[in-house]
Amino acid sequence: MAIDKEAIKFHMREIIKALGDNPEREGLKDTPDRVARMYEEVFEGMNYTNDDLAVMFDKTFEDDVEYETDSKDMVVVKDIDIFSYCEHHLALMYDMKVTVAYIPAGRVIGLSKIARIADMVSKRLQLQERIGSDIAEVMQKITGSEDVAVLIEGSHSCMTARGIKKPASKTYTTTLRGIFKSEQTLLSSIYRGEYESISSN
């Protein structure tokens, strides 16, 4: 799906008029084009499905690390900065930090690709909860591992700048797949920043 910049420009002019302003005045005459170009950038992820992203970022390496018997060694990438737009109000979700953890199942993904996946799925009309599930789904498709966890914290301008107007509020979401659902010690170790092997009994 391609983003229709001409349609965005047309409708932005209509929105400016609906707000009671003149789209031809000096400060606004180029605004529809600027918004269309911005939307093409910040909503780039809408051009791709999760399956598309799994193909796009499918850069893995054979996992040749020697593990102890029955150990569950994690890969954790913390504090990935992203932003997104809430599908309910088109409001900015900002100061978002993503942590992605997974247990390799024979292959590991390049670390930068994890950040790229998080960045791309956030560039859609989104919910914070869905960002987590989208990241987990793409990670599972690429790595072949069922064991994925995604933790996200973020501020939502639909909460901080309008409505209830609580600027200090933060939203935290967790998406747990595979062993992370049942092994709470794994999740606790991510929060504490302790990533040693967790033996599976």
C-alpha atoms as a PDB file:
ATOM      1  CA  MET A   1       0.000   0.000   0.000  1.00  0.00           C
ATOM      2  CA  ALA A   2       1.436   3.364  -1.011  1.00  0.00           C
ATOM      3  CA  ILE A   3       0.691   6.482   1.024  1.00  0.00           C
ATOM      4  CA  ASP A   4      -1.421   8.869  -1.069  1.00  0.00           C
ATOM      5  CA  LYS A   5       0.314  12.207  -0.596  1.00  0.00           C
ATOM      6  CA  GLU A   6      -2.018  14.088  -2.948  1.00  0.00           C
ATOM      7  CA  ALA A   7      -5.082  12.969  -0.984  1.00  0.00           C
ATOM      8  CA  ILE A   8      -3.398  14.005   2.268  1.00  0.00           C
ATOM      9  CA  LYS A   9      -2.631  17.462   0.854  1.00  0.00           C
ATOM     10  CA  PHE A  10      -6.221  17.921  -0.315  1.00  0.00           C
ATOM     11  CA  HIS A  11      -7.726  16.875   3.012  1.00  0.00           C
ATOM     12  CA  MET A  12      -5.250  18.930   5.040  1.00  0.00           C
ATOM     13  CA  ARG A  13      -6.419  22.022   3.171  1.00  0.00           C
ATOM     14  CA  GLU A  14      -9.994  21.083   4.048  1.00  0.00           C
ATOM     15  CA  ILE A  15      -9.077  20.579   7.705  1.00  0.00           C
ATOM     16  CA  ILE A  16      -7.398  23.999   7.830  1.00  0.00           C
ATOM     17  CA  LYS A  17     -10.569  25.523   6.389  1.00  0.00           C
ATOM     18  CA  ALA A  18     -12.728  23.555   8.832  1.00  0.00           C
ATOM     19  CA  LEU A  19     -10.645  24.985  11.679  1.00  0.00           C
ATOM     20  CA  GLY A  20     -11.613  28.450  10.461  1.00  0.00           C
ATOM     21  CA  ASP A  21      -8.286  29.480   8.973  1.00  0.00           C
ATOM     22  CA  ASN A  22      -7.196  30.396   5.458  1.00  0.00           C
ATOM     23  CA  PRO A  23      -5.038  27.716   3.760  1.00  0.00           C
ATOM     24  CA  GLU A  24      -3.766  30.390   1.329  1.00  0.00           C
ATOM     25  CA  ARG A  25      -2.206  32.647   3.942  1.00  0.00           C
ATOM     26  CA  GLU A  26       1.595  32.858   4.075  1.00  0.00           C
ATOM     27  CA  GLY A  27       2.151  30.625   7.086  1.00  0.00           C
ATOM     28  CA  LEU A  28      -0.214  27.881   5.898  1.00  0.00           C
ATOM     29  CA  LYS A  29      -0.003  27.718   2.117  1.00  0.00           C
ATOM     30  CA  ASP A  30       2.765  25.088   2.139  1.00  0.00           C
ATOM     31  CA  THR A  31       1.464  23.261   5.222  1.00  0.00           C
ATOM     32  CA  PRO A  32      -0.551  20.580   3.366  1.00  0.00           C
ATOM     33  CA  ASP A  33       2.537  19.589   1.381  1.00  0.00           C
ATOM     34  CA  ARG A  34       4.717  19.586   4.506  1.00  0.00           C
ATOM     35  CA  VAL A  35       2.210  17.414   6.360  1.00  0.00           C
ATOM     36  CA  ALA A  36       1.954  14.985   3.425  1.00  0.00           C
ATOM     37  CA  ARG A  37       5.732  14.583   3.331  1.00  0.00           C
ATOM     38  CA  MET A  38       5.874  14.176   7.109  1.00  0.00           C
ATOM     39  CA  TYR A  39       3.121  11.546   7.056  1.00  0.00           C
ATOM     40  CA  GLU A  40       4.960   9.647   4.323  1.00  0.00           C
ATOM     41  CA  GLU A  41       7.957   9.486   6.675  1.00  0.00           C
ATOM     42  CA  VAL A  42       6.338   8.853  10.074  1.00  0.00           C
ATOM     43  CA  PHE A  43       3.818   6.331   8.730  1.00  0.00           C
ATOM     44  CA  GLU A  44       6.281   4.432   6.535  1.00  0.00           C
ATOM     45  CA  GLY A  45       5.493   1.190   8.367  1.00  0.00           C
ATOM     46  CA  MET A  46       1.949   1.223   6.987  1.00  0.00           C
ATOM     47  CA  ASN A  47       3.407   0.226   3.633  1.00  0.00           C
ATOM     48  CA  TYR A  48       4.446  -3.168   5.005  1.00  0.00           C
ATOM     49  CA  THR A  49       2.831  -6.122   6.738  1.00  0.00           C
ATOM     50  CA  ASN A  50       4.566  -8.009   9.532  1.00  0.00           C
ATOM     51  CA  ASP A  51       5.378 -10.702   6.974  1.00  0.00           C
ATOM     52  CA  ASP A  52       7.017  -8.041   4.788  1.00  0.00           C
ATOM     53  CA  LEU A  53       9.114  -6.839   7.718  1.00  0.00           C
ATOM     54  CA  ALA A  54      10.162 -10.391   8.543  1.00  0.00           C
ATOM     55  CA  VAL A  55      11.571 -10.693   5.016  1.00  0.00           C
ATOM     56  CA  MET A  56      13.053  -7.186   5.028  1.00  0.00           C
ATOM     57  CA  PHE A  57      15.009  -7.665   8.270  1.00  0.00           C
ATOM     58  CA  ASP A  58      15.762 -11.377   7.992  1.00  0.00           C
ATOM     59  CA  LYS A  59      19.467 -11.162   8.787  1.00  0.00           C
ATOM     60  CA  THR A  60      20.351 -13.992  11.151  1.00  0.00           C
ATOM     61  CA  PHE A  61      23.491 -15.908  12.035  1.00  0.00           C
ATOM     62  CA  GLU A  62      23.972 -19.464  13.161  1.00  0.00           C
ATOM     63  CA  ASP A  63      24.061 -19.572  16.944  1.00  0.00           C
ATOM     64  CA  ASP A  64      27.311 -21.399  17.655  1.00  0.00           C
ATOM     65  CA  VAL A  65      27.562 -20.512  21.355  1.00  0.00           C
ATOM     66  CA  GLU A  66      28.175 -23.520  23.623  1.00  0.00           C
ATOM     67  CA  TYR A  67      25.330 -23.553  26.144  1.00  0.00           C
ATOM     68  CA  GLU A  68      25.085 -25.496  29.362  1.00  0.00           C
ATOM     69  CA  THR A  69      22.615 -28.366  29.237  1.00  0.00           C
ATOM     70  CA  ASP A  70      19.017 -27.134  29.487  1.00  0.00           C
ATOM     71  CA  SER A  71      20.063 -23.506  29.955  1.00  0.00           C
ATOM     72  CA  LYS A  72      17.929 -20.687  28.618  1.00  0.00           C
ATOM     73  CA  ASP A  73      20.308 -17.889  27.621  1.00  0.00           C
ATOM     74  CA  MET A  74      18.671 -14.616  26.677  1.00  0.00           C
ATOM     75  CA  VAL A  75      19.507 -11.889  24.226  1.00  0.00           C
ATOM     76  CA  VAL A  76      18.210  -8.538  25.530  1.00  0.00           C
ATOM     77  CA  VAL A  77      18.245  -5.141  23.818  1.00  0.00           C
ATOM     78  CA  LYS A  78      17.059  -2.321  26.062  1.00  0.00           C
ATOM     79  CA  ASP A  79      16.076   1.323  25.673  1.00  0.00           C
ATOM     80  CA  ILE A  80      15.246   1.377  21.969  1.00  0.00           C
ATOM     81  CA  ASP A  81      13.803   4.859  21.373  1.00  0.00           C
ATOM     82  CA  ILE A  82      10.680   5.005  19.233  1.00  0.00           C
ATOM     83  CA  PHE A  83       7.639   7.201  18.739  1.00  0.00           C
ATOM     84  CA  SER A  84       4.268   6.486  17.219  1.00  0.00           C
ATOM     85  CA  TYR A  85       0.790   7.912  16.664  1.00  0.00           C
ATOM     86  CA  CYS A  86      -2.262   6.705  18.559  1.00  0.00           C
ATOM     87  CA  GLU A  87      -4.990   5.413  16.258  1.00  0.00           C
ATOM     88  CA  HIS A  88      -7.726   6.874  18.491  1.00  0.00           C
ATOM     89  CA  HIS A  89      -6.760  10.569  18.311  1.00  0.00           C
ATOM     90  CA  LEU A  90      -3.779  10.606  15.891  1.00  0.00           C
ATOM     91  CA  ALA A  91      -1.950  11.880  18.981  1.00  0.00           C
ATOM     92  CA  LEU A  92       1.782  11.464  19.449  1.00  0.00           C
ATOM     93  CA  MET A  93       3.078   8.642  21.639  1.00  0.00           C
ATOM     94  CA  TYR A  94       6.504   9.830  22.761  1.00  0.00           C
ATOM     95  CA  ASP A  95       9.413   9.178  25.159  1.00  0.00           C
ATOM     96  CA  MET A  96       8.884   5.519  24.307  1.00  0.00           C
ATOM     97  CA  LYS A  97      11.491   2.957  25.352  1.00  0.00           C
ATOM     98  CA  VAL A  98      11.354  -0.604  24.043  1.00  0.00           C
ATOM     99  CA  THR A  99      13.088  -3.638  25.515  1.00  0.00           C
ATOM    100  CA  VAL A 100      13.177  -6.802  23.400  1.00  0.00           C
ATOM    101  CA  ALA A 101      14.322 -10.147  24.803  1.00  0.00           C
ATOM    102  CA  TYR A 102      14.406 -13.562  23.166  1.00  0.00           C
ATOM    103  CA  ILE A 103      15.919 -16.983  23.675  1.00  0.00           C
ATOM    104  CA  PRO A 104      17.752 -18.140  20.535  1.00  0.00           C
ATOM    105  CA  ALA A 105      16.556 -21.310  18.843  1.00  0.00           C
ATOM    106  CA  GLY A 106      19.583 -22.058  16.712  1.00  0.00           C
ATOM    107  CA  ARG A 107      19.925 -18.645  15.083  1.00  0.00           C
ATOM    108  CA  VAL A 108      20.447 -15.073  16.316  1.00  0.00           C
ATOM    109  CA  ILE A 109      19.325 -11.881  14.630  1.00  0.00           C
ATOM    110  CA  GLY A 110      21.630  -8.926  14.021  1.00  0.00           C
ATOM    111  CA  LEU A 111      21.149  -6.503  16.926  1.00  0.00           C
ATOM    112  CA  SER A 112      20.527  -3.460  14.747  1.00  0.00           C
ATOM    113  CA  LYS A 113      17.687  -5.350  13.062  1.00  0.00           C
ATOM    114  CA  ILE A 114      15.836  -5.555  16.388  1.00  0.00           C
ATOM    115  CA  ALA A 115      15.902  -1.756  16.626  1.00  0.00           C
ATOM    116  CA  ARG A 116      14.815  -1.455  12.980  1.00  0.00           C
ATOM    117  CA  ILE A 117      11.862  -3.776  13.575  1.00  0.00           C
ATOM    118  CA  ALA A 118      10.757  -1.724  16.593  1.00  0.00           C
ATOM    119  CA  ASP A 119      11.142   1.489  14.619  1.00  0.00           C
ATOM    120  CA  MET A 120       9.196   0.259  11.611  1.00  0.00           C
ATOM    121  CA  VAL A 121       6.207  -1.235  13.450  1.00  0.00           C
ATOM    122  CA  SER A 122       5.867   2.012  15.395  1.00  0.00           C
ATOM    123  CA  LYS A 123       5.495   3.934  12.111  1.00  0.00           C
ATOM    124  CA  ARG A 124       1.827   2.991  11.814  1.00  0.00           C
ATOM    125  CA  LEU A 125      -1.413   4.152  13.365  1.00  0.00           C
ATOM    126  CA  GLN A 126      -0.904   2.148  16.513  1.00  0.00           C
ATOM    127  CA  LEU A 127      -1.749   1.145  20.048  1.00  0.00           C
ATOM    128  CA  GLN A 128       1.145   0.619  22.448  1.00  0.00           C
ATOM    129  CA  GLU A 129      -0.125  -2.901  23.094  1.00  0.00           C
ATOM    130  CA  ARG A 130      -0.079  -3.706  19.367  1.00  0.00           C
ATOM    131  CA  ILE A 131       3.430  -2.331  18.920  1.00  0.00           C
ATOM    132  CA  GLY A 132       4.557  -4.972  21.409  1.00  0.00           C
ATOM    133  CA  SER A 133       2.665  -7.793  19.730  1.00  0.00           C
ATOM    134  CA  ASP A 134       3.849  -6.731  16.254  1.00  0.00           C
ATOM    135  CA  ILE A 135       7.496  -6.693  17.368  1.00  0.00           C
ATOM    136  CA  ALA A 136       7.097 -10.106  19.007  1.00  0.00           C
ATOM    137  CA  GLU A 137       5.465 -11.577  15.898  1.00  0.00           C
ATOM    138  CA  VAL A 138       8.185 -10.324  13.554  1.00  0.00           C
ATOM    139  CA  MET A 139      10.903 -11.531  15.944  1.00  0.00           C
ATOM    140  CA  GLN A 140       9.340 -14.996  16.073  1.00  0.00           C
ATOM    141  CA  LYS A 141       9.117 -15.184  12.289  1.00  0.00           C
ATOM    142  CA  ILE A 142      12.759 -14.210  11.799  1.00  0.00           C
ATOM    143  CA  THR A 143      14.462 -16.100  14.619  1.00  0.00           C
ATOM    144  CA  GLY A 144      12.244 -19.196  14.714  1.00  0.00           C
ATOM    145  CA  SER A 145      12.103 -18.783  18.493  1.00  0.00           C
ATOM    146  CA  GLU A 146       8.760 -18.926  20.292  1.00  0.00           C
ATOM    147  CA  ASP A 147      10.338 -17.293  23.347  1.00  0.00           C
ATOM    148  CA  VAL A 148      10.080 -13.522  22.946  1.00  0.00           C
ATOM    149  CA  ALA A 149       9.281 -10.712  25.379  1.00  0.00           C
ATOM    150  CA  VAL A 150       8.675  -7.045  24.546  1.00  0.00           C
ATOM    151  CA  LEU A 151       8.436  -4.402  27.274  1.00  0.00           C
ATOM    152  CA  ILE A 152       7.418  -0.844  26.397  1.00  0.00           C
ATOM    153  CA  GLU A 153       7.021   2.338  28.382  1.00  0.00           C
ATOM    154  CA  GLY A 154       5.751   5.551  26.867  1.00  0.00           C
ATOM    155  CA  SER A 155       3.920   8.834  27.237  1.00  0.00           C
ATOM    156  CA  HIS A 156       0.732   9.506  25.295  1.00  0.00           C
ATOM    157  CA  SER A 157      -0.201  13.054  24.359  1.00  0.00           C
ATOM    158  CA  CYS A 158      -3.866  12.044  24.315  1.00  0.00           C
ATOM    159  CA  MET A 159      -3.351  11.658  28.099  1.00  0.00           C
ATOM    160  CA  THR A 160      -0.792  14.374  28.750  1.00  0.00           C
ATOM    161  CA  ALA A 161      -1.851  17.279  26.498  1.00  0.00           C
ATOM    162  CA  ARG A 162      -5.642  16.911  26.229  1.00  0.00           C
ATOM    163  CA  GLY A 163      -8.541  15.342  28.070  1.00  0.00           C
ATOM    164  CA  ILE A 164      -7.405  14.401  31.580  1.00  0.00           C
ATOM    165  CA  LYS A 165      -4.082  16.294  31.080  1.00  0.00           C
ATOM    166  CA  LYS A 166      -1.797  14.272  33.341  1.00  0.00           C
ATOM    167  CA  PRO A 167       1.678  15.121  31.999  1.00  0.00           C
ATOM    168  CA  ALA A 168       3.551  12.771  34.349  1.00  0.00           C
ATOM    169  CA  SER A 169       1.568   9.677  33.380  1.00  0.00           C
ATOM    170  CA  LYS A 170       3.383   6.753  31.738  1.00  0.00           C
ATOM    171  CA  THR A 171       1.977   3.621  30.135  1.00  0.00           C
ATOM    172  CA  TYR A 172       3.753   0.276  30.540  1.00  0.00           C
ATOM    173  CA  THR A 173       2.952  -2.792  28.448  1.00  0.00           C
ATOM    174  CA  THR A 174       4.401  -6.291  28.350  1.00  0.00           C
ATOM    175  CA  THR A 175       4.048  -8.789  25.521  1.00  0.00           C
ATOM    176  CA  LEU A 176       5.088 -12.316  26.507  1.00  0.00           C
ATOM    177  CA  ARG A 177       5.455 -15.288  24.205  1.00  0.00           C
ATOM    178  CA  GLY A 178       6.609 -18.849  24.839  1.00  0.00           C
ATOM    179  CA  ILE A 179       8.548 -19.543  28.020  1.00  0.00           C
ATOM    180  CA  PHE A 180       8.276 -15.908  29.176  1.00  0.00           C
ATOM    181  CA  LYS A 181       4.601 -16.573  29.978  1.00  0.00           C
ATOM    182  CA  SER A 182       5.411 -19.252  32.520  1.00  0.00           C
ATOM    183  CA  GLU A 183       8.949 -18.460  33.709  1.00  0.00           C
ATOM    184  CA  GLN A 184       8.508 -15.285  35.731  1.00  0.00           C
ATOM    185  CA  THR A 185      12.168 -15.413  36.778  1.00  0.00           C
ATOM    186  CA  LEU A 186      13.081 -14.605  33.174  1.00  0.00           C
ATOM    187  CA  LEU A 187      10.864 -11.525  33.146  1.00  0.00           C
ATOM    188  CA  SER A 188      12.115 -10.438  36.563  1.00  0.00           C
ATOM    189  CA  SER A 189      15.721 -10.711  35.403  1.00  0.00           C
ATOM    190  CA  ILE A 190      14.985  -8.387  32.476  1.00  0.00           C
ATOM    191  CA  TYR A 191      13.527  -5.754  34.821  1.00  0.00           C
ATOM    192  CA  ARG A 192      16.497  -6.097  37.202  1.00  0.00           C
ATOM    193  CA  GLY A 193      19.043  -6.049  34.381  1.00  0.00           C
ATOM    194  CA  GLU A 194      20.379  -9.481  35.262  1.00  0.00           C
ATOM    195  CA  TYR A 195      20.671 -11.593  32.136  1.00  0.00           C
ATOM    196  CA  GLU A 196      22.465 -14.709  33.310  1.00  0.00           C
ATOM    197  CA  SER A 197      21.318 -18.124  32.118  1.00  0.00           C
ATOM    198  CA  ILE A 198      18.123 -19.365  33.738  1.00  0.00           C
ATOM    199  CA  SER A 199      18.094 -23.152  34.053  1.00  0.00           C
ATOM    200  CA  SER A 200      14.917 -24.869  32.882  1.00  0.00           C
ATOM    201  CA  ASN A 201      13.729 -27.477  35.370  1.00  0.00           C
END
